[in-house]
PDB file of N, CA and C in Angstrom:
ATOM      1  N   UNK A   1      80.493  86.922 107.813  1.00  0.00           N
ATOM      2  CA  UNK A   1      80.225  88.126 108.455  1.00  0.00           C
ATOM      3  C   UNK A   1      78.770  89.097 108.718  1.00  0.00           C
ATOM      4  N   UNK A   2      78.762  89.574 109.422  1.00  0.00           N
ATOM      5  CA  UNK A   2      77.500  90.295 109.824  1.00  0.00           C
ATOM      6  C   UNK A   2      77.360  91.714 109.441  1.00  0.00           C
ATOM      7  N   UNK A   3      76.628  92.139 108.768  1.00  0.00           N
ATOM      8  CA  UNK A   3      76.185  93.674 108.136  1.00  0.00           C
ATOM      9  C   UNK A   3      75.097  94.005 108.755  1.00  0.00           C
ATOM     10  N   UNK A   4      74.807  95.280 108.593  1.00  0.00           N
ATOM     11  CA  UNK A   4      73.693  96.262 108.898  1.00  0.00           C
ATOM     12  C   UNK A   4      73.666  97.339 107.711  1.00  0.00           C
ATOM     13  N   UNK A   5      72.710  97.090 106.829  1.00  0.00           N
ATOM     14  CA  UNK A   5      72.576  98.246 105.406  1.00  0.00           C
ATOM     15  C   UNK A   5      71.613  99.585 106.196  1.00  0.00           C
ATOM     16  N   UNK A   6      72.596 100.894 106.006  1.00  0.00           N
ATOM     17  CA  UNK A   6      72.021 102.056 106.401  1.00  0.00           C
ATOM     18  C   UNK A   6      70.730 101.946 105.575  1.00  0.00           C
ATOM     19  N   UNK A   7      69.960 102.747 105.694  1.00  0.00           N
ATOM     20  CA  UNK A   7      68.791 103.259 104.468  1.00  0.00           C
ATOM     21  C   UNK A   7      69.264 103.801 103.187  1.00  0.00           C
ATOM     22  N   UNK A   8      70.164 104.057 103.240  1.00  0.00           N
ATOM     23  CA  UNK A   8      70.552 104.803 101.894  1.00  0.00           C
ATOM     24  C   UNK A   8      71.304 104.187 101.099  1.00  0.00           C
ATOM     25  N   UNK A   9      71.390 102.682 101.582  1.00  0.00           N
ATOM     26  CA  UNK A   9      72.468 101.578 100.388  1.00  0.00           C
ATOM     27  C   UNK A   9      70.859 100.524  99.574  1.00  0.00           C
ATOM     28  N   UNK A  10      71.552 100.619  98.468  1.00  0.00           N
ATOM     29  CA  UNK A  10      70.215  99.830  97.460  1.00  0.00           C
ATOM     30  C   UNK A  10      70.122  98.237  97.805  1.00  0.00           C
ATOM     31  N   UNK A  11      68.656  97.758  97.692  1.00  0.00           N
ATOM     32  CA  UNK A  11      68.583  96.551  98.015  1.00  0.00           C
ATOM     33  C   UNK A  11      69.241  95.664  97.301  1.00  0.00           C
ATOM     34  N   UNK A  12      70.155  95.548  95.906  1.00  0.00           N
ATOM     35  CA  UNK A  12      71.235  94.853  95.497  1.00  0.00           C
ATOM     36  C   UNK A  12      71.852  94.055  96.109  1.00  0.00           C
ATOM     37  N   UNK A  13      72.519  95.409  96.858  1.00  0.00           N
ATOM     38  CA  UNK A  13      73.632  95.052  98.023  1.00  0.00           C
ATOM     39  C   UNK A  13      73.437  94.067  98.730  1.00  0.00           C
ATOM     40  N   UNK A  14      71.907  93.852  99.512  1.00  0.00           N
ATOM     41  CA  UNK A  14      71.777  92.696 100.592  1.00  0.00           C
ATOM     42  C   UNK A  14      71.672  91.228  99.553  1.00  0.00           C
ATOM     43  N   UNK A  15      71.308  91.633  98.385  1.00  0.00           N
ATOM     44  CA  UNK A  15      71.400  90.273  97.562  1.00  0.00           C
ATOM     45  C   UNK A  15      72.872  89.482  97.247  1.00  0.00           C
ATOM     46  N   UNK A  16      73.735  90.631  96.888  1.00  0.00           N
ATOM     47  CA  UNK A  16      75.351  90.246  96.846  1.00  0.00           C
ATOM     48  C   UNK A  16      75.436  89.424  97.863  1.00  0.00           C
ATOM     49  N   UNK A  17      75.246  90.413  98.990  1.00  0.00           N
ATOM     50  CA  UNK A  17      76.103  89.970 100.597  1.00  0.00           C
ATOM     51  C   UNK A  17      75.596  88.746 100.936  1.00  0.00           C
ATOM     52  N   UNK A  18      74.284  88.422 100.659  1.00  0.00           N
ATOM     53  CA  UNK A  18      73.672  86.847 101.040  1.00  0.00           C
ATOM     54  C   UNK A  18      73.967  85.941  99.774  1.00  0.00           C
ATOM     55  N   UNK A  19      74.381  86.286  98.962  1.00  0.00           N
ATOM     56  CA  UNK A  19      74.929  85.247  98.141  1.00  0.00           C
ATOM     57  C   UNK A  19      76.181  84.805  98.303  1.00  0.00           C
ATOM     58  N   UNK A  20      77.319  85.567  99.152  1.00  0.00           N
ATOM     59  CA  UNK A  20      78.344  85.745  99.343  1.00  0.00           C
ATOM     60  C   UNK A  20      78.420  84.785 100.717  1.00  0.00           C
ATOM     61  N   UNK A  21      77.175  84.626 101.229  1.00  0.00           N
ATOM     62  CA  UNK A  21      77.087  83.768 102.392  1.00  0.00           C
ATOM     63  C   UNK A  21      77.114  84.959 103.610  1.00  0.00           C
ATOM     64  N   UNK A  22      77.027  85.994 103.638  1.00  0.00           N
ATOM     65  CA  UNK A  22      77.006  87.118 104.863  1.00  0.00           C
ATOM     66  C   UNK A  22      75.569  86.990 105.323  1.00  0.00           C
ATOM     67  N   UNK A  23      75.089  87.407 106.670  1.00  0.00           N
ATOM     68  CA  UNK A  23      74.424  87.625 107.405  1.00  0.00           C
ATOM     69  C   UNK A  23      74.128  89.192 107.165  1.00  0.00           C
ATOM     70  N   UNK A  24      73.015  89.477 106.510  1.00  0.00           N
ATOM     71  CA  UNK A  24      72.681  90.990 106.502  1.00  0.00           C
ATOM     72  C   UNK A  24      71.068  91.167 106.804  1.00  0.00           C
ATOM     73  N   UNK A  25      71.462  92.413 107.730  1.00  0.00           N
ATOM     74  CA  UNK A  25      69.951  93.192 107.906  1.00  0.00           C
ATOM     75  C   UNK A  25      70.182  94.325 107.205  1.00  0.00           C
ATOM     76  N   UNK A  26      68.657  95.263 107.513  1.00  0.00           N
ATOM     77  CA  UNK A  26      68.557  96.153 106.671  1.00  0.00           C
ATOM     78  C   UNK A  26      67.617  97.179 107.756  1.00  0.00           C
ATOM     79  N   UNK A  27      68.598  98.680 107.895  1.00  0.00           N
ATOM     80  CA  UNK A  27      67.747  99.714 108.834  1.00  0.00           C
ATOM     81  C   UNK A  27      66.369  99.908 108.687  1.00  0.00           C
ATOM     82  N   UNK A  28      65.903  99.783 107.249  1.00  0.00           N
ATOM     83  CA  UNK A  28      64.809 100.490 107.180  1.00  0.00           C
ATOM     84  C   UNK A  28      63.732  99.278 107.640  1.00  0.00           C
ATOM     85  N   UNK A  29      64.093  98.111 107.423  1.00  0.00           N
ATOM     86  CA  UNK A  29      63.121  96.726 107.437  1.00  0.00           C
ATOM     87  C   UNK A  29      63.150  96.345 109.441  1.00  0.00           C
ATOM     88  N   UNK A  30      64.140  97.267 109.924  1.00  0.00           N
ATOM     89  CA  UNK A  30      64.021  97.132 111.092  1.00  0.00           C
ATOM     90  C   UNK A  30      63.353  98.352 112.181  1.00  0.00           C
ATOM     91  N   UNK A  31      62.807  98.959 111.575  1.00  0.00           N
ATOM     92  CA  UNK A  31      62.102 100.055 112.015  1.00  0.00           C
ATOM     93  C   UNK A  31      62.828 101.323 111.955  1.00  0.00           C
ATOM     94  N   UNK A  32      64.630 101.455 112.031  1.00  0.00           N
ATOM     95  CA  UNK A  32      65.514 101.989 112.532  1.00  0.00           C
ATOM     96  C   UNK A  32      65.799 103.298 111.103  1.00  0.00           C
ATOM     97  N   UNK A  33      64.986 103.159 110.010  1.00  0.00           N
ATOM     98  CA  UNK A  33      64.940 104.365 109.468  1.00  0.00           C
ATOM     99  C   UNK A  33      65.034 106.177 109.616  1.00  0.00           C
ATOM    100  N   UNK A  34      65.732 106.529 109.417  1.00  0.00           N
ATOM    101  CA  UNK A  34      65.648 107.774 109.924  1.00  0.00           C
ATOM    102  C   UNK A  34      66.076 108.262 111.704  1.00  0.00           C
ATOM    103  N   UNK A  35      66.352 107.032 111.682  1.00  0.00           N
ATOM    104  CA  UNK A  35      67.014 107.199 113.227  1.00  0.00           C
ATOM    105  C   UNK A  35      68.644 108.045 113.496  1.00  0.00           C
ATOM    106  N   UNK A  36      68.935 108.422 114.572  1.00  0.00           N
ATOM    107  CA  UNK A  36      70.142 109.217 114.351  1.00  0.00           C
ATOM    108  C   UNK A  36      71.187 108.127 114.040  1.00  0.00           C
ATOM    109  N   UNK A  37      72.375 108.367 113.807  1.00  0.00           N
ATOM    110  CA  UNK A  37      73.019 107.538 113.342  1.00  0.00           C
ATOM    111  C   UNK A  37      73.917 107.078 114.672  1.00  0.00           C
ATOM    112  N   UNK A  38      73.797 107.198 115.477  1.00  0.00           N
ATOM    113  CA  UNK A  38      74.278 106.992 116.958  1.00  0.00           C
ATOM    114  C   UNK A  38      73.314 105.597 117.361  1.00  0.00           C
ATOM    115  N   UNK A  39      72.024 105.800 117.574  1.00  0.00           N
ATOM    116  CA  UNK A  39      71.387 104.644 117.504  1.00  0.00           C
ATOM    117  C   UNK A  39      71.461 103.503 116.411  1.00  0.00           C
ATOM    118  N   UNK A  40      71.930 103.576 115.350  1.00  0.00           N
ATOM    119  CA  UNK A  40      71.688 102.816 114.287  1.00  0.00           C
ATOM    120  C   UNK A  40      73.537 102.182 114.363  1.00  0.00           C
ATOM    121  N   UNK A  41      74.150 102.525 114.986  1.00  0.00           N
ATOM    122  CA  UNK A  41      75.749 102.139 114.912  1.00  0.00           C
ATOM    123  C   UNK A  41      75.376 101.108 116.603  1.00  0.00           C
ATOM    124  N   UNK A  42      74.486 101.440 117.574  1.00  0.00           N
ATOM    125  CA  UNK A  42      74.455 101.082 118.753  1.00  0.00           C
ATOM    126  C   UNK A  42      73.554  99.909 118.739  1.00  0.00           C
ATOM    127  N   UNK A  43      72.549 100.091 117.790  1.00  0.00           N
ATOM    128  CA  UNK A  43      72.081  98.507 117.287  1.00  0.00           C
ATOM    129  C   UNK A  43      72.983  97.403 116.687  1.00  0.00           C
ATOM    130  N   UNK A  44      73.683  97.938 115.860  1.00  0.00           N
ATOM    131  CA  UNK A  44      74.525  97.306 115.303  1.00  0.00           C
ATOM    132  C   UNK A  44      75.887  96.590 115.711  1.00  0.00           C
ATOM    133  N   UNK A  45      76.139  97.634 116.953  1.00  0.00           N
ATOM    134  CA  UNK A  45      76.973  96.781 117.686  1.00  0.00           C
ATOM    135  C   UNK A  45      76.429  95.658 118.691  1.00  0.00           C
ATOM    136  N   UNK A  46      75.529  95.728 118.834  1.00  0.00           N
ATOM    137  CA  UNK A  46      74.721  95.238 120.126  1.00  0.00           C
ATOM    138  C   UNK A  46      74.663  93.891 119.392  1.00  0.00           C
ATOM    139  N   UNK A  47      74.559  93.516 117.943  1.00  0.00           N
ATOM    140  CA  UNK A  47      74.426  92.362 117.035  1.00  0.00           C
ATOM    141  C   UNK A  47      75.564  92.150 116.767  1.00  0.00           C
ATOM    142  N   UNK A  48      76.657  92.776 116.691  1.00  0.00           N
ATOM    143  CA  UNK A  48      77.969  92.420 116.198  1.00  0.00           C
ATOM    144  C   UNK A  48      78.032  92.292 114.469  1.00  0.00           C
ATOM    145  N   UNK A  49      77.368  93.638 114.329  1.00  0.00           N
ATOM    146  CA  UNK A  49      77.313  93.970 112.803  1.00  0.00           C
ATOM    147  C   UNK A  49      77.832  94.921 112.275  1.00  0.00           C
ATOM    148  N   UNK A  50      78.666  95.064 110.981  1.00  0.00           N
ATOM    149  CA  UNK A  50      79.015  96.002 110.732  1.00  0.00           C
ATOM    150  C   UNK A  50      78.029  96.506 110.012  1.00  0.00           C
ATOM    151  N   UNK A  51      78.682  98.257 109.702  1.00  0.00           N
ATOM    152  CA  UNK A  51      77.539  98.962 108.952  1.00  0.00           C
ATOM    153  C   UNK A  51      78.037  99.498 107.950  1.00  0.00           C
ATOM    154  N   UNK A  52      77.203  99.219 106.746  1.00  0.00           N
ATOM    155  CA  UNK A  52      77.570  99.874 105.302  1.00  0.00           C
ATOM    156  C   UNK A  52      76.565 100.773 105.016  1.00  0.00           C
ATOM    157  N   UNK A  53      77.369 101.742 104.486  1.00  0.00           N
ATOM    158  CA  UNK A  53      76.707 103.234 104.360  1.00  0.00           C
ATOM    159  C   UNK A  53      77.259 103.912 103.597  1.00  0.00           C
ATOM    160  N   UNK A  54      76.652 105.140 103.212  1.00  0.00           N
ATOM    161  CA  UNK A  54      76.890 106.586 102.137  1.00  0.00           C
ATOM    162  C   UNK A  54      77.217 107.350 103.222  1.00  0.00           C
ATOM    163  N   UNK A  55      76.675 107.693 104.099  1.00  0.00           N
ATOM    164  CA  UNK A  55      76.839 108.907 105.278  1.00  0.00           C
ATOM    165  C   UNK A  55      77.935 108.830 105.982  1.00  0.00           C
ATOM    166  N   UNK A  56      78.688 110.026 105.464  1.00  0.00           N
ATOM    167  CA  UNK A  56      79.922 110.396 105.762  1.00  0.00           C
ATOM    168  C   UNK A  56      79.761 110.693 107.278  1.00  0.00           C
ATOM    169  N   UNK A  57      78.959 111.052 108.043  1.00  0.00           N
ATOM    170  CA  UNK A  57      79.065 111.252 109.426  1.00  0.00           C
ATOM    171  C   UNK A  57      79.367 110.108 110.026  1.00  0.00           C
ATOM    172  N   UNK A  58      79.455 108.865 109.200  1.00  0.00           N
ATOM    173  CA  UNK A  58      79.551 107.534 110.346  1.00  0.00           C
ATOM    174  C   UNK A  58      81.507 108.040 110.197  1.00  0.00           C
ATOM    175  N   UNK A  59      82.096 108.233 109.349  1.00  0.00           N
ATOM    176  CA  UNK A  59      83.494 108.317 109.071  1.00  0.00           C
ATOM    177  C   UNK A  59      84.137 109.399 110.350  1.00  0.00           C
ATOM    178  N   UNK A  60      83.181 109.896 111.158  1.00  0.00           N
ATOM    179  CA  UNK A  60      83.935 110.724 112.048  1.00  0.00           C
ATOM    180  C   UNK A  60      84.468 110.318 113.232  1.00  0.00           C
ATOM    181  N   UNK A  61      85.586 109.803 113.014  1.00  0.00           N
ATOM    182  CA  UNK A  61      86.769 109.284 114.198  1.00  0.00           C
ATOM    183  C   UNK A  61      86.394 109.625 115.471  1.00  0.00           C
ATOM    184  N   UNK A  62      85.871 110.762 115.418  1.00  0.00           N
ATOM    185  CA  UNK A  62      85.739 111.804 117.161  1.00  0.00           C
ATOM    186  C   UNK A  62      84.601 111.281 117.457  1.00  0.00           C
ATOM    187  N   UNK A  63      83.800 111.159 117.021  1.00  0.00           N
ATOM    188  CA  UNK A  63      82.468 110.844 117.051  1.00  0.00           C
ATOM    189  C   UNK A  63      82.525 108.850 117.406  1.00  0.00           C
ATOM    190  N   UNK A  64      82.638 108.684 116.457  1.00  0.00           N
ATOM    191  CA  UNK A  64      82.740 106.714 116.649  1.00  0.00           C
ATOM    192  C   UNK A  64      83.868 106.210 116.352  1.00  0.00           C
ATOM    193  N   UNK A  65      84.904 106.574 117.599  1.00  0.00           N
ATOM    194  CA  UNK A  65      86.233 106.148 117.400  1.00  0.00           C
ATOM    195  C   UNK A  65      86.153 104.430 117.073  1.00  0.00           C
ATOM    196  N   UNK A  66      87.378 104.032 116.441  1.00  0.00           N
ATOM    197  CA  UNK A  66      87.504 102.720 116.108  1.00  0.00           C
ATOM    198  C   UNK A  66      87.419 101.945 117.340  1.00  0.00           C
ATOM    199  N   UNK A  67      86.866 100.810 117.826  1.00  0.00           N
ATOM    200  CA  UNK A  67      87.297  99.998 119.002  1.00  0.00           C
ATOM    201  C   UNK A  67      86.254 100.194 119.446  1.00  0.00           C
ATOM    202  N   UNK A  68      85.132 100.996 119.476  1.00  0.00           N
ATOM    203  CA  UNK A  68      84.145 101.419 120.461  1.00  0.00           C
ATOM    204  C   UNK A  68      82.719 100.906 119.652  1.00  0.00           C
ATOM    205  N   UNK A  69      82.920 100.194 118.368  1.00  0.00           N
ATOM    206  CA  UNK A  69      81.943  99.715 117.713  1.00  0.00           C
ATOM    207  C   UNK A  69      82.131  98.331 116.907  1.00  0.00           C
ATOM    208  N   UNK A  70      81.510  97.470 116.528  1.00  0.00           N
ATOM    209  CA  UNK A  70      81.624  96.460 115.171  1.00  0.00           C
ATOM    210  C   UNK A  70      82.596  96.738 114.108  1.00  0.00           C
ATOM    211  N   UNK A  71      82.188  97.842 113.513  1.00  0.00           N
ATOM    212  CA  UNK A  71      83.121  98.363 112.146  1.00  0.00           C
ATOM    213  C   UNK A  71      81.949  99.055 111.571  1.00  0.00           C
ATOM    214  N   UNK A  72      82.804 100.073 110.712  1.00  0.00           N
ATOM    215  CA  UNK A  72      81.640 100.696 109.676  1.00  0.00           C
ATOM    216  C   UNK A  72      82.754 100.824 108.340  1.00  0.00           C
ATOM    217  N   UNK A  73      82.185 100.459 107.388  1.00  0.00           N
ATOM    218  CA  UNK A  73      82.245 101.232 105.996  1.00  0.00           C
ATOM    219  C   UNK A  73      81.578 101.925 105.300  1.00  0.00           C
ATOM    220  N   UNK A  74      82.453 102.921 105.187  1.00  0.00           N
ATOM    221  CA  UNK A  74      81.657 104.081 104.499  1.00  0.00           C
ATOM    222  C   UNK A  74      81.505 104.190 103.221  1.00  0.00           C
ATOM    223  N   UNK A  75      80.925 104.522 102.236  1.00  0.00           N
ATOM    224  CA  UNK A  75      81.476 104.102 100.503  1.00  0.00           C
ATOM    225  C   UNK A  75      80.994 106.033 100.258  1.00  0.00           C
ATOM    226  N   UNK A  76      82.123 106.212 100.036  1.00  0.00           N
ATOM    227  CA  UNK A  76      82.398 107.479  99.473  1.00  0.00           C
ATOM    228  C   UNK A  76      82.585 107.473  98.125  1.00  0.00           C
ATOM    229  N   UNK A  77      81.833 107.686  97.313  1.00  0.00           N
ATOM    230  CA  UNK A  77      81.322 107.631  95.461  1.00  0.00           C
ATOM    231  C   UNK A  77      80.998 108.743  95.223  1.00  0.00           C
ATOM    232  N   UNK A  78      81.255 108.815  93.814  1.00  0.00           N
ATOM    233  CA  UNK A  78      80.853 110.174  93.303  1.00  0.00           C
ATOM    234  C   UNK A  78      79.335 109.858  92.642  1.00  0.00           C
ATOM    235  N   UNK A  79      78.924 108.738  92.405  1.00  0.00           N
ATOM    236  CA  UNK A  79      78.013 108.160  91.954  1.00  0.00           C
ATOM    237  C   UNK A  79      77.298 107.298  92.893  1.00  0.00           C
ATOM    238  N   UNK A  80      76.144 107.028  93.499  1.00  0.00           N
ATOM    239  CA  UNK A  80      75.303 106.228  94.434  1.00  0.00           C
ATOM    240  C   UNK A  80      74.621 105.274  93.974  1.00  0.00           C
ATOM    241  N   UNK A  81      74.680 105.065  92.823  1.00  0.00           N
ATOM    242  CA  UNK A  81      73.455 104.106  91.973  1.00  0.00           C
ATOM    243  C   UNK A  81      74.618 102.888  91.973  1.00  0.00           C
ATOM    244  N   UNK A  82      73.911 101.713  91.986  1.00  0.00           N
ATOM    245  CA  UNK A  82      74.299 100.340  92.221  1.00  0.00           C
ATOM    246  C   UNK A  82      75.136 100.163  90.930  1.00  0.00           C
ATOM    247  N   UNK A  83      75.319 100.594  89.858  1.00  0.00           N
ATOM    248  CA  UNK A  83      76.144 100.114  88.942  1.00  0.00           C
ATOM    249  C   UNK A  83      77.672 100.563  89.065  1.00  0.00           C
ATOM    250  N   UNK A  84      77.943 101.732  89.856  1.00  0.00           N
ATOM    251  CA  UNK A  84      78.762 102.346  90.521  1.00  0.00           C
ATOM    252  C   UNK A  84      79.238 101.798  91.697  1.00  0.00           C
ATOM    253  N   UNK A  85      78.338 101.491  92.720  1.00  0.00           N
ATOM    254  CA  UNK A  85      78.684 100.632  94.170  1.00  0.00           C
ATOM    255  C   UNK A  85      78.806  99.068  93.696  1.00  0.00           C
ATOM    256  N   UNK A  86      78.761  98.460  93.159  1.00  0.00           N
ATOM    257  CA  UNK A  86      78.738  96.980  92.988  1.00  0.00           C
ATOM    258  C   UNK A  86      80.419  96.772  92.873  1.00  0.00           C
ATOM    259  N   UNK A  87      81.207  97.471  92.279  1.00  0.00           N
ATOM    260  CA  UNK A  87      82.663  97.121  92.480  1.00  0.00           C
ATOM    261  C   UNK A  87      83.343  97.384  93.267  1.00  0.00           C
ATOM    262  N   UNK A  88      83.109  98.860  94.201  1.00  0.00           N
ATOM    263  CA  UNK A  88      84.108  98.739  95.316  1.00  0.00           C
ATOM    264  C   UNK A  88      83.583  97.570  96.125  1.00  0.00           C
ATOM    265  N   UNK A  89      82.125  97.171  96.116  1.00  0.00           N
ATOM    266  CA  UNK A  89      81.629  96.431  97.317  1.00  0.00           C
ATOM    267  C   UNK A  89      82.762  95.113  97.006  1.00  0.00           C
ATOM    268  N   UNK A  90      82.341  94.609  95.469  1.00  0.00           N
ATOM    269  CA  UNK A  90      83.031  93.089  95.419  1.00  0.00           C
ATOM    270  C   UNK A  90      84.300  93.552  95.344  1.00  0.00           C
ATOM    271  N   UNK A  91      85.300  94.530  95.670  1.00  0.00           N
ATOM    272  CA  UNK A  91      86.783  94.757  95.650  1.00  0.00           C
ATOM    273  C   UNK A  91      86.752  94.582  97.287  1.00  0.00           C
ATOM    274  N   UNK A  92      85.963  95.282  98.053  1.00  0.00           N
ATOM    275  CA  UNK A  92      86.232  94.838  99.933  1.00  0.00           C
ATOM    276  C   UNK A  92      85.939  93.985 100.007  1.00  0.00           C
ATOM    277  N   UNK A  93      84.965  92.739  99.221  1.00  0.00           N
ATOM    278  CA  UNK A  93      84.613  91.365  99.937  1.00  0.00           C
ATOM    279  C   UNK A  93      85.736  90.735  99.441  1.00  0.00           C
ATOM    280  N   UNK A  94      86.575  91.128  97.866  1.00  0.00           N
ATOM    281  CA  UNK A  94      87.303  90.089  97.397  1.00  0.00           C
ATOM    282  C   UNK A  94      88.705  90.169  97.946  1.00  0.00           C
ATOM    283  N   UNK A  95      89.075  91.461  98.252  1.00  0.00           N
ATOM    284  CA  UNK A  95      90.675  91.679  99.376  1.00  0.00           C
ATOM    285  C   UNK A  95      90.966  90.774 100.567  1.00  0.00           C
ATOM    286  N   UNK A  96      89.404  90.396 100.857  1.00  0.00           N
ATOM    287  CA  UNK A  96      89.928  89.363 102.279  1.00  0.00           C
ATOM    288  C   UNK A  96      90.389  90.522 103.239  1.00  0.00           C
ATOM    289  N   UNK A  97      89.715  91.507 103.362  1.00  0.00           N
ATOM    290  CA  UNK A  97      90.581  92.209 104.630  1.00  0.00           C
ATOM    291  C   UNK A  97      89.268  92.619 105.461  1.00  0.00           C
ATOM    292  N   UNK A  98      87.941  91.831 105.463  1.00  0.00           N
ATOM    293  CA  UNK A  98      86.933  92.070 106.371  1.00  0.00           C
ATOM    294  C   UNK A  98      87.370  91.835 107.720  1.00  0.00           C
ATOM    295  N   UNK A  99      88.430  90.929 108.052  1.00  0.00           N
ATOM    296  CA  UNK A  99      88.889  91.044 109.123  1.00  0.00           C
ATOM    297  C   UNK A  99      89.505  92.300 109.851  1.00  0.00           C
ATOM    298  N   UNK A 100      90.037  92.966 109.049  1.00  0.00           N
ATOM    299  CA  UNK A 100      90.598  94.518 109.154  1.00  0.00           C
ATOM    300  C   UNK A 100      89.331  95.134 109.852  1.00  0.00           C
ATOM    301  N   UNK A 101      88.589  94.875 109.066  1.00  0.00           N
ATOM    302  CA  UNK A 101      87.153  96.016 109.167  1.00  0.00           C
ATOM    303  C   UNK A 101      86.771  96.065 110.803  1.00  0.00           C
ATOM    304  N   UNK A 102      86.835  94.845 111.594  1.00  0.00           N
ATOM    305  CA  UNK A 102      86.194  94.437 112.617  1.00  0.00           C
ATOM    306  C   UNK A 102      86.810  95.779 113.388  1.00  0.00           C
ATOM    307  N   UNK A 103      85.398  96.542 114.296  1.00  0.00           N
ATOM    308  CA  UNK A 103      85.845  97.388 115.123  1.00  0.00           C
ATOM    309  C   UNK A 103      86.577  98.616 114.771  1.00  0.00           C
ATOM    310  N   UNK A 104      86.886  98.609 113.273  1.00  0.00           N
ATOM    311  CA  UNK A 104      87.408  99.672 112.404  1.00  0.00           C
ATOM    312  C   UNK A 104      86.496 100.324 111.768  1.00  0.00           C
ATOM    313  N   UNK A 105      87.296 101.409 110.827  1.00  0.00           N
ATOM    314  CA  UNK A 105      86.734 102.097 109.701  1.00  0.00           C
ATOM    315  C   UNK A 105      87.160 101.787 108.541  1.00  0.00           C
ATOM    316  N   UNK A 106      86.118 101.937 107.343  1.00  0.00           N
ATOM    317  CA  UNK A 106      87.158 101.794 106.110  1.00  0.00           C
ATOM    318  C   UNK A 106      86.140 102.666 105.237  1.00  0.00           C
ATOM    319  N   UNK A 107      86.817 103.376 104.508  1.00  0.00           N
ATOM    320  CA  UNK A 107      86.424 104.429 103.541  1.00  0.00           C
ATOM    321  C   UNK A 107      86.944 104.134 101.975  1.00  0.00           C
ATOM    322  N   UNK A 108      85.649 103.356 101.155  1.00  0.00           N
ATOM    323  CA  UNK A 108      85.778 102.942 100.297  1.00  0.00           C
ATOM    324  C   UNK A 108      85.580 103.771  98.971  1.00  0.00           C
ATOM    325  N   UNK A 109      86.081 104.065  98.151  1.00  0.00           N
ATOM    326  CA  UNK A 109      86.121 104.932  97.276  1.00  0.00           C
ATOM    327  C   UNK A 109      86.003 103.838  95.845  1.00  0.00           C
ATOM    328  N   UNK A 110      85.974 104.988  94.502  1.00  0.00           N
ATOM    329  CA  UNK A 110      86.162 103.696  93.343  1.00  0.00           C
ATOM    330  C   UNK A 110      87.460 103.031  93.102  1.00  0.00           C
ATOM    331  N   UNK A 111      88.435 103.522  93.886  1.00  0.00           N
ATOM    332  CA  UNK A 111      89.779 103.221  93.502  1.00  0.00           C
ATOM    333  C   UNK A 111      90.759 102.348  94.737  1.00  0.00           C
ATOM    334  N   UNK A 112      90.098 102.343  95.776  1.00  0.00           N
ATOM    335  CA  UNK A 112      90.715 101.922  97.025  1.00  0.00           C
ATOM    336  C   UNK A 112      90.059 101.645  98.142  1.00  0.00           C
ATOM    337  N   UNK A 113      90.577 100.956  99.149  1.00  0.00           N
ATOM    338  CA  UNK A 113      89.553 101.221 100.342  1.00  0.00           C
ATOM    339  C   UNK A 113      90.927 101.377 101.603  1.00  0.00           C
ATOM    340  N   UNK A 114      90.569 102.341 102.523  1.00  0.00           N
ATOM    341  CA  UNK A 114      91.136 102.749 103.409  1.00  0.00           C
ATOM    342  C   UNK A 114      90.935 102.395 104.776  1.00  0.00           C
ATOM    343  N   UNK A 115      91.659 101.952 105.526  1.00  0.00           N
ATOM    344  CA  UNK A 115      91.207 101.350 107.241  1.00  0.00           C
ATOM    345  C   UNK A 115      91.884 102.353 107.582  1.00  0.00           C
ATOM    346  N   UNK A 116      90.830 102.381 109.001  1.00  0.00           N
ATOM    347  CA  UNK A 116      91.545 102.946 110.024  1.00  0.00           C
ATOM    348  C   UNK A 116      91.205 101.941 111.382  1.00  0.00           C
ATOM    349  N   UNK A 117      92.460 101.462 111.682  1.00  0.00           N
ATOM    350  CA  UNK A 117      92.231 100.471 112.782  1.00  0.00           C
ATOM    351  C   UNK A 117      91.649 100.610 114.039  1.00  0.00           C
ATOM    352  N   UNK A 118      91.525  99.843 114.731  1.00  0.00           N
ATOM    353  CA  UNK A 118      91.123 100.069 116.235  1.00  0.00           C
ATOM    354  C   UNK A 118      92.389  99.796 117.011  1.00  0.00           C
ATOM    355  N   UNK A 119      92.387 100.040 118.610  1.00  0.00           N
ATOM    356  CA  UNK A 119      92.879  99.464 119.534  1.00  0.00           C
ATOM    357  C   UNK A 119      92.390  98.406 120.059  1.00  0.00           C
ATOM    358  N   UNK A 120      93.371  97.207 120.160  1.00  0.00           N
ATOM    359  CA  UNK A 120      92.643  95.782 120.343  1.00  0.00           C
ATOM    360  C   UNK A 120      92.374  96.113 122.370  1.00  0.00           C
ATOM    361  N   UNK A 121      92.857  96.926 122.814  1.00  0.00           N
ATOM    362  CA  UNK A 121      92.612  97.193 124.068  1.00  0.00           C
ATOM    363  C   UNK A 121      90.848  97.958 124.308  1.00  0.00           C
ATOM    364  N   UNK A 122      90.593  98.355 123.281  1.00  0.00           N
ATOM    365  CA  UNK A 122      89.335  99.203 123.273  1.00  0.00           C
ATOM    366  C   UNK A 122      87.892  98.444 122.384  1.00  0.00           C
ATOM    367  N   UNK A 123      88.772  97.347 121.785  1.00  0.00           N
ATOM    368  CA  UNK A 123      87.338  96.227 120.930  1.00  0.00           C
ATOM    369  C   UNK A 123      86.397  95.913 121.947  1.00  0.00           C
ATOM    370  N   UNK A 124      85.191  96.122 120.776  1.00  0.00           N
ATOM    371  CA  UNK A 124      83.690  96.244 121.799  1.00  0.00           C
ATOM    372  C   UNK A 124      83.424  94.510 121.581  1.00  0.00           C
TER     373      UNK A 124
END
């Protein structure tokens, strides 16, 4: 899978994703740090990448409806340090649900992953 890491995620996440065989880009390294969420999402969609972020604004399905982008995973954790993030990331990867994430939204917390799916007719 192809992912775009938002500027608020640790570099350790890119390392883990690369080791799992995923193609990972980073918002900051691409000069998109500080840009509006819609610009980041547009770039990710153009590249066919799923956005991974802590930014809850990406979870607004009225603003970013499933099916209008390549996919978004929002990590909603009480502690955003790598030690807390690593478990939910590995769970998301291990559950084999990444295909369900294409064009949809996943909210990932400490104990579960909730999906909001896209309509196939609106898929990008």
